[in-house]
Full PDB file with SEQRES, HELIX, SHEET, SSBOND, CRYST1, ORIGX, SCALE, CONECT and MASTER records, all heavy atoms in Angstrom:
SEQRES   1 A   29  GLY GLY LEU PRO ILE PRO PRO VAL THR ILE PHE MET ASP          
SEQRES   2 A   29  GLY PHE ALA ASP GLY VAL ALA TYR TYR ASN LYS THR LYS          
SEQRES   3 A   29  SER LYS ASN                                                  
HELIX    1 AA1 PRO A    6  LYS A   26  1                                  21    
CRYST1    1.000    1.000    1.000  90.00  90.00  90.00 P 1           1          
ORIGX1      1.000000  0.000000  0.000000        0.00000                         
ORIGX2      0.000000  1.000000  0.000000        0.00000                         
ORIGX3      0.000000  0.000000  1.000000        0.00000                         
SCALE1      1.000000  0.000000  0.000000        0.00000                         
SCALE2      0.000000  1.000000  0.000000        0.00000                         
SCALE3      0.000000  0.000000  1.000000        0.00000                         
ATOM      1  N   GLY A   1       5.334   7.250  -7.626  1.00  0.00           N  
ATOM      2  CA  GLY A   1       6.615   7.634  -7.041  1.00  0.00           C  
ATOM      3  C   GLY A   1       7.454   8.495  -7.959  1.00  0.00           C  
ATOM      4  O   GLY A   1       7.106   8.703  -9.131  1.00  0.00           O  
ATOM      5  N   GLY A   2       8.558   8.984  -7.414  1.00  0.00           N  
ATOM      6  CA  GLY A   2       9.517   9.733  -8.212  1.00  0.00           C  
ATOM      7  C   GLY A   2      10.410   8.789  -8.985  1.00  0.00           C  
ATOM      8  O   GLY A   2      10.527   8.859 -10.202  1.00  0.00           O  
ATOM      9  N   LEU A   3      11.027   7.859  -8.268  1.00  0.00           N  
ATOM     10  CA  LEU A   3      11.864   6.823  -8.866  1.00  0.00           C  
ATOM     11  C   LEU A   3      11.614   5.508  -8.126  1.00  0.00           C  
ATOM     12  O   LEU A   3      11.280   5.524  -6.932  1.00  0.00           O  
ATOM     13  CB  LEU A   3      13.353   7.183  -8.753  1.00  0.00           C  
ATOM     14  CG  LEU A   3      13.898   8.286  -9.660  1.00  0.00           C  
ATOM     15  CD1 LEU A   3      15.308   8.665  -9.226  1.00  0.00           C  
ATOM     16  CD2 LEU A   3      13.906   7.823 -11.120  1.00  0.00           C  
ATOM     17  N   PRO A   4      11.799   4.368  -8.779  1.00  0.00           N  
ATOM     18  CA  PRO A   4      11.610   3.079  -8.101  1.00  0.00           C  
ATOM     19  C   PRO A   4      12.800   2.716  -7.228  1.00  0.00           C  
ATOM     20  O   PRO A   4      13.571   1.808  -7.523  1.00  0.00           O  
ATOM     21  CB  PRO A   4      11.435   2.099  -9.273  1.00  0.00           C  
ATOM     22  CG  PRO A   4      12.200   2.713 -10.399  1.00  0.00           C  
ATOM     23  CD  PRO A   4      12.043   4.204 -10.222  1.00  0.00           C  
ATOM     24  N   ILE A   5      12.973   3.436  -6.144  1.00  0.00           N  
ATOM     25  CA  ILE A   5      14.051   3.205  -5.183  1.00  0.00           C  
ATOM     26  C   ILE A   5      13.434   2.945  -3.811  1.00  0.00           C  
ATOM     27  O   ILE A   5      12.307   3.383  -3.548  1.00  0.00           O  
ATOM     28  CB  ILE A   5      15.024   4.401  -5.120  1.00  0.00           C  
ATOM     29  CG1 ILE A   5      14.290   5.699  -4.778  1.00  0.00           C  
ATOM     30  CG2 ILE A   5      15.788   4.541  -6.446  1.00  0.00           C  
ATOM     31  CD1 ILE A   5      15.195   6.907  -4.607  1.00  0.00           C  
ATOM     32  N   PRO A   6      14.134   2.230  -2.933  1.00  0.00           N  
ATOM     33  CA  PRO A   6      13.550   1.829  -1.647  1.00  0.00           C  
ATOM     34  C   PRO A   6      12.905   2.952  -0.817  1.00  0.00           C  
ATOM     35  O   PRO A   6      11.813   2.734  -0.269  1.00  0.00           O  
ATOM     36  CB  PRO A   6      14.740   1.184  -0.917  1.00  0.00           C  
ATOM     37  CG  PRO A   6      15.558   0.606  -2.019  1.00  0.00           C  
ATOM     38  CD  PRO A   6      15.469   1.616  -3.143  1.00  0.00           C  
ATOM     39  N   PRO A   7      13.529   4.148  -0.685  1.00  0.00           N  
ATOM     40  CA  PRO A   7      12.887   5.186   0.126  1.00  0.00           C  
ATOM     41  C   PRO A   7      11.539   5.661  -0.438  1.00  0.00           C  
ATOM     42  O   PRO A   7      10.775   6.319   0.259  1.00  0.00           O  
ATOM     43  CB  PRO A   7      13.908   6.327   0.112  1.00  0.00           C  
ATOM     44  CG  PRO A   7      15.211   5.681  -0.191  1.00  0.00           C  
ATOM     45  CD  PRO A   7      14.870   4.577  -1.137  1.00  0.00           C  
ATOM     46  N   VAL A   8      11.266   5.325  -1.700  1.00  0.00           N  
ATOM     47  CA  VAL A   8       9.994   5.665  -2.344  1.00  0.00           C  
ATOM     48  C   VAL A   8       9.020   4.496  -2.276  1.00  0.00           C  
ATOM     49  O   VAL A   8       7.883   4.632  -1.809  1.00  0.00           O  
ATOM     50  CB  VAL A   8      10.218   6.080  -3.815  1.00  0.00           C  
ATOM     51  CG1 VAL A   8       8.895   6.208  -4.559  1.00  0.00           C  
ATOM     52  CG2 VAL A   8      10.988   7.397  -3.884  1.00  0.00           C  
ATOM     53  N   THR A   9       9.461   3.337  -2.718  1.00  0.00           N  
ATOM     54  CA  THR A   9       8.547   2.193  -2.807  1.00  0.00           C  
ATOM     55  C   THR A   9       8.091   1.701  -1.441  1.00  0.00           C  
ATOM     56  O   THR A   9       7.030   1.080  -1.333  1.00  0.00           O  
ATOM     57  CB  THR A   9       9.182   1.035  -3.587  1.00  0.00           C  
ATOM     58  OG1 THR A   9      10.393   0.618  -2.938  1.00  0.00           O  
ATOM     59  CG2 THR A   9       9.493   1.466  -5.021  1.00  0.00           C  
ATOM     60  N   ILE A  10       8.838   1.997  -0.388  1.00  0.00           N  
ATOM     61  CA  ILE A  10       8.417   1.594   0.951  1.00  0.00           C  
ATOM     62  C   ILE A  10       7.095   2.259   1.327  1.00  0.00           C  
ATOM     63  O   ILE A  10       6.223   1.644   1.952  1.00  0.00           O  
ATOM     64  CB  ILE A  10       9.516   1.896   1.996  1.00  0.00           C  
ATOM     65  CG1 ILE A  10       9.129   1.330   3.366  1.00  0.00           C  
ATOM     66  CG2 ILE A  10       9.811   3.389   2.085  1.00  0.00           C  
ATOM     67  CD1 ILE A  10      10.230   1.451   4.407  1.00  0.00           C  
ATOM     68  N   PHE A  11       6.908   3.523   0.924  1.00  0.00           N  
ATOM     69  CA  PHE A  11       5.630   4.207   1.153  1.00  0.00           C  
ATOM     70  C   PHE A  11       4.511   3.502   0.383  1.00  0.00           C  
ATOM     71  O   PHE A  11       3.407   3.288   0.901  1.00  0.00           O  
ATOM     72  CB  PHE A  11       5.700   5.653   0.647  1.00  0.00           C  
ATOM     73  CG  PHE A  11       6.400   6.637   1.528  1.00  0.00           C  
ATOM     74  CD1 PHE A  11       7.749   6.903   1.352  1.00  0.00           C  
ATOM     75  CD2 PHE A  11       5.719   7.341   2.505  1.00  0.00           C  
ATOM     76  CE1 PHE A  11       8.401   7.844   2.124  1.00  0.00           C  
ATOM     77  CE2 PHE A  11       6.351   8.291   3.290  1.00  0.00           C  
ATOM     78  CZ  PHE A  11       7.701   8.547   3.100  1.00  0.00           C  
ATOM     79  N   MET A  12       4.800   3.176  -0.875  1.00  0.00           N  
ATOM     80  CA  MET A  12       3.790   2.606  -1.758  1.00  0.00           C  
ATOM     81  C   MET A  12       3.378   1.212  -1.310  1.00  0.00           C  
ATOM     82  O   MET A  12       2.197   0.843  -1.367  1.00  0.00           O  
ATOM     83  CB  MET A  12       4.317   2.626  -3.190  1.00  0.00           C  
ATOM     84  CG  MET A  12       4.646   4.048  -3.665  1.00  0.00           C  
ATOM     85  SD  MET A  12       5.679   4.141  -5.140  1.00  0.00           S  
ATOM     86  CE  MET A  12       4.455   3.872  -6.427  1.00  0.00           C  
ATOM     87  N   ASP A  13       4.351   0.440  -0.803  1.00  0.00           N  
ATOM     88  CA  ASP A  13       4.045  -0.880  -0.262  1.00  0.00           C  
ATOM     89  C   ASP A  13       3.102  -0.775   0.940  1.00  0.00           C  
ATOM     90  O   ASP A  13       2.108  -1.505   1.034  1.00  0.00           O  
ATOM     91  CB  ASP A  13       5.340  -1.581   0.188  1.00  0.00           C  
ATOM     92  CG  ASP A  13       6.147  -2.156  -0.960  1.00  0.00           C  
ATOM     93  OD1 ASP A  13       5.607  -2.267  -2.080  1.00  0.00           O  
ATOM     94  OD2 ASP A  13       7.317  -2.503  -0.729  1.00  0.00           O  
ATOM     95  N   GLY A  14       3.444   0.103   1.864  1.00  0.00           N  
ATOM     96  CA  GLY A  14       2.614   0.258   3.055  1.00  0.00           C  
ATOM     97  C   GLY A  14       1.212   0.730   2.715  1.00  0.00           C  
ATOM     98  O   GLY A  14       0.213   0.253   3.288  1.00  0.00           O  
ATOM     99  N   PHE A  15       1.123   1.666   1.780  1.00  0.00           N  
ATOM    100  CA  PHE A  15      -0.176   2.209   1.350  1.00  0.00           C  
ATOM    101  C   PHE A  15      -1.047   1.090   0.764  1.00  0.00           C  
ATOM    102  O   PHE A  15      -2.223   0.939   1.130  1.00  0.00           O  
ATOM    103  CB  PHE A  15       0.065   3.305   0.314  1.00  0.00           C  
ATOM    104  CG  PHE A  15      -1.176   4.015  -0.152  1.00  0.00           C  
ATOM    105  CD1 PHE A  15      -1.738   5.033   0.604  1.00  0.00           C  
ATOM    106  CD2 PHE A  15      -1.760   3.691  -1.369  1.00  0.00           C  
ATOM    107  CE1 PHE A  15      -2.873   5.713   0.174  1.00  0.00           C  
ATOM    108  CE2 PHE A  15      -2.892   4.355  -1.818  1.00  0.00           C  
ATOM    109  CZ  PHE A  15      -3.453   5.368  -1.043  1.00  0.00           C  
ATOM    110  N   ALA A  16      -0.463   0.294  -0.120  1.00  0.00           N  
ATOM    111  CA  ALA A  16      -1.207  -0.797  -0.753  1.00  0.00           C  
ATOM    112  C   ALA A  16      -1.670  -1.820   0.286  1.00  0.00           C  
ATOM    113  O   ALA A  16      -2.806  -2.320   0.228  1.00  0.00           O  
ATOM    114  CB  ALA A  16      -0.348  -1.479  -1.817  1.00  0.00           C  
ATOM    115  N   ASP A  17      -0.812  -2.118   1.252  1.00  0.00           N  
ATOM    116  CA  ASP A  17      -1.181  -3.092   2.282  1.00  0.00           C  
ATOM    117  C   ASP A  17      -2.269  -2.547   3.209  1.00  0.00           C  
ATOM    118  O   ASP A  17      -3.118  -3.309   3.698  1.00  0.00           O  
ATOM    119  CB  ASP A  17       0.044  -3.493   3.093  1.00  0.00           C  
ATOM    120  CG  ASP A  17       0.888  -4.553   2.400  1.00  0.00           C  
ATOM    121  OD1 ASP A  17       0.432  -5.088   1.367  1.00  0.00           O  
ATOM    122  OD2 ASP A  17       1.992  -4.842   2.880  1.00  0.00           O  
ATOM    123  N   GLY A  18      -2.241  -1.245   3.448  1.00  0.00           N  
ATOM    124  CA  GLY A  18      -3.289  -0.638   4.267  1.00  0.00           C  
ATOM    125  C   GLY A  18      -4.648  -0.736   3.598  1.00  0.00           C  
ATOM    126  O   GLY A  18      -5.670  -1.006   4.250  1.00  0.00           O  
ATOM    127  N   VAL A  19      -4.673  -0.527   2.289  1.00  0.00           N  
ATOM    128  CA  VAL A  19      -5.923  -0.677   1.533  1.00  0.00           C  
ATOM    129  C   VAL A  19      -6.380  -2.137   1.580  1.00  0.00           C  
ATOM    130  O   VAL A  19      -7.566  -2.427   1.798  1.00  0.00           O  
ATOM    131  CB  VAL A  19      -5.735  -0.226   0.067  1.00  0.00           C  
ATOM    132  CG1 VAL A  19      -6.979  -0.527  -0.754  1.00  0.00           C  
ATOM    133  CG2 VAL A  19      -5.416   1.272   0.005  1.00  0.00           C  
ATOM    134  N   ALA A  20      -5.438  -3.060   1.404  1.00  0.00           N  
ATOM    135  CA  ALA A  20      -5.774  -4.489   1.438  1.00  0.00           C  
ATOM    136  C   ALA A  20      -6.336  -4.889   2.802  1.00  0.00           C  
ATOM    137  O   ALA A  20      -7.271  -5.701   2.893  1.00  0.00           O  
ATOM    138  CB  ALA A  20      -4.535  -5.323   1.112  1.00  0.00           C  
ATOM    139  N   TYR A  21      -5.772  -4.316   3.866  1.00  0.00           N  
ATOM    140  CA  TYR A  21      -6.253  -4.616   5.219  1.00  0.00           C  
ATOM    141  C   TYR A  21      -7.676  -4.093   5.412  1.00  0.00           C  
ATOM    142  O   TYR A  21      -8.516  -4.752   6.030  1.00  0.00           O  
ATOM    143  CB  TYR A  21      -5.305  -3.996   6.245  1.00  0.00           C  
ATOM    144  CG  TYR A  21      -5.597  -4.380   7.678  1.00  0.00           C  
ATOM    145  CD1 TYR A  21      -5.314  -5.658   8.141  1.00  0.00           C  
ATOM    146  CD2 TYR A  21      -6.164  -3.461   8.565  1.00  0.00           C  
ATOM    147  CE1 TYR A  21      -5.568  -6.024   9.456  1.00  0.00           C  
ATOM    148  CE2 TYR A  21      -6.428  -3.807   9.884  1.00  0.00           C  
ATOM    149  CZ  TYR A  21      -6.133  -5.096  10.316  1.00  0.00           C  
ATOM    150  OH  TYR A  21      -6.403  -5.456  11.614  1.00  0.00           O  
ATOM    151  N   TYR A  22      -7.937  -2.906   4.868  1.00  0.00           N  
ATOM    152  CA  TYR A  22      -9.293  -2.352   4.926  1.00  0.00           C  
ATOM    153  C   TYR A  22     -10.260  -3.281   4.200  1.00  0.00           C  
ATOM    154  O   TYR A  22     -11.339  -3.612   4.712  1.00  0.00           O  
ATOM    155  CB  TYR A  22      -9.330  -0.959   4.292  1.00  0.00           C  
ATOM    156  CG  TYR A  22     -10.708  -0.327   4.280  1.00  0.00           C  
ATOM    157  CD1 TYR A  22     -11.163   0.419   5.368  1.00  0.00           C  
ATOM    158  CD2 TYR A  22     -11.563  -0.491   3.182  1.00  0.00           C  
ATOM    159  CE1 TYR A  22     -12.431   0.990   5.369  1.00  0.00           C  
ATOM    160  CE2 TYR A  22     -12.832   0.070   3.176  1.00  0.00           C  
ATOM    161  CZ  TYR A  22     -13.251   0.812   4.266  1.00  0.00           C  
ATOM    162  OH  TYR A  22     -14.524   1.373   4.272  1.00  0.00           O  
ATOM    163  N   ASN A  23      -9.885  -3.716   3.015  1.00  0.00           N  
ATOM    164  CA  ASN A  23     -10.744  -4.606   2.232  1.00  0.00           C  
ATOM    165  C   ASN A  23     -11.028  -5.905   2.983  1.00  0.00           C  
ATOM    166  O   ASN A  23     -12.155  -6.418   2.984  1.00  0.00           O  
ATOM    167  CB  ASN A  23     -10.095  -4.925   0.882  1.00  0.00           C  
ATOM    168  CG  ASN A  23     -10.117  -3.740  -0.068  1.00  0.00           C  
ATOM    169  OD1 ASN A  23     -10.942  -2.833   0.066  1.00  0.00           O  
ATOM    170  ND2 ASN A  23      -9.209  -3.747  -1.040  1.00  0.00           N  
ATOM    171  N   LYS A  24     -10.000  -6.427   3.645  1.00  0.00           N  
ATOM    172  CA  LYS A  24     -10.146  -7.687   4.374  1.00  0.00           C  
ATOM    173  C   LYS A  24     -11.083  -7.530   5.569  1.00  0.00           C  
ATOM    174  O   LYS A  24     -11.973  -8.365   5.798  1.00  0.00           O  
ATOM    175  CB  LYS A  24      -8.773  -8.173   4.843  1.00  0.00           C  
ATOM    176  CG  LYS A  24      -8.801  -9.469   5.632  1.00  0.00           C  
ATOM    177  CD  LYS A  24      -7.402  -9.864   6.085  1.00  0.00           C  
ATOM    178  CE  LYS A  24      -7.428 -11.127   6.929  1.00  0.00           C  
ATOM    179  NZ  LYS A  24      -6.066 -11.493   7.408  1.00  0.00           N  
ATOM    180  N   THR A  25     -10.902  -6.469   6.319  1.00  0.00           N  
ATOM    181  CA  THR A  25     -11.690  -6.294   7.543  1.00  0.00           C  
ATOM    182  C   THR A  25     -13.104  -5.802   7.261  1.00  0.00           C  
ATOM    183  O   THR A  25     -14.014  -6.053   8.058  1.00  0.00           O  
ATOM    184  CB  THR A  25     -11.002  -5.316   8.515  1.00  0.00           C  
ATOM    185  OG1 THR A  25     -10.797  -4.054   7.861  1.00  0.00           O  
ATOM    186  CG2 THR A  25      -9.660  -5.861   8.971  1.00  0.00           C  
ATOM    187  N   LYS A  26     -13.308  -5.123   6.143  1.00  0.00           N  
ATOM    188  CA  LYS A  26     -14.619  -4.550   5.825  1.00  0.00           C  
ATOM    189  C   LYS A  26     -15.341  -5.299   4.709  1.00  0.00           C  
ATOM    190  O   LYS A  26     -16.443  -4.912   4.315  1.00  0.00           O  
ATOM    191  CB  LYS A  26     -14.458  -3.085   5.406  1.00  0.00           C  
ATOM    192  CG  LYS A  26     -13.808  -2.200   6.450  1.00  0.00           C  
ATOM    193  CD  LYS A  26     -14.725  -1.974   7.625  1.00  0.00           C  
ATOM    194  CE  LYS A  26     -14.134  -0.942   8.592  1.00  0.00           C  
ATOM    195  NZ  LYS A  26     -15.015  -0.713   9.756  1.00  0.00           N  
ATOM    196  N   SER A  27     -14.701  -6.343   4.180  1.00  0.00           N  
ATOM    197  CA  SER A  27     -15.255  -7.080   3.035  1.00  0.00           C  
ATOM    198  C   SER A  27     -15.568  -6.137   1.875  1.00  0.00           C  
ATOM    199  O   SER A  27     -16.652  -6.182   1.273  1.00  0.00           O  
ATOM    200  CB  SER A  27     -16.522  -7.849   3.460  1.00  0.00           C  
ATOM    201  OG  SER A  27     -16.210  -8.819   4.434  1.00  0.00           O  
ATOM    202  N   LYS A  28     -14.610  -5.266   1.572  1.00  0.00           N  
ATOM    203  CA  LYS A  28     -14.734  -4.310   0.470  1.00  0.00           C  
ATOM    204  C   LYS A  28     -13.749  -4.675  -0.634  1.00  0.00           C  
ATOM    205  O   LYS A  28     -12.962  -5.616  -0.503  1.00  0.00           O  
ATOM    206  CB  LYS A  28     -14.464  -2.885   0.963  1.00  0.00           C  
ATOM    207  CG  LYS A  28     -15.406  -2.399   2.053  1.00  0.00           C  
ATOM    208  CD  LYS A  28     -16.804  -2.172   1.519  1.00  0.00           C  
ATOM    209  CE  LYS A  28     -17.703  -1.556   2.591  1.00  0.00           C  
ATOM    210  NZ  LYS A  28     -19.072  -1.317   2.095  1.00  0.00           N  
ATOM    211  N   ASN A  29     -13.768  -3.895  -1.703  1.00  0.00           N  
ATOM    212  CA  ASN A  29     -12.844  -4.152  -2.807  1.00  0.00           C  
ATOM    213  C   ASN A  29     -12.316  -2.839  -3.377  1.00  0.00           C  
ATOM    214  O   ASN A  29     -12.422  -2.578  -4.571  1.00  0.00           O  
ATOM    215  CB  ASN A  29     -13.532  -4.969  -3.905  1.00  0.00           C  
ATOM    216  CG  ASN A  29     -12.549  -5.435  -4.975  1.00  0.00           C  
ATOM    217  OD1 ASN A  29     -11.381  -5.684  -4.693  1.00  0.00           O  
ATOM    218  ND2 ASN A  29     -13.019  -5.527  -6.205  1.00  0.00           N  
TER     219      ASN A  29                                                      
MASTER        0    0    0    1    0    0    0    6  218    1    0    3          
END                                                                             
């Protein structure tokens, strides 16, 4: 991110959760 502020970290949170969801559904890491 540019700075650790909500309009930035909200993207990063969603991105990380999307990867986690992929790992869960596909049994990947």
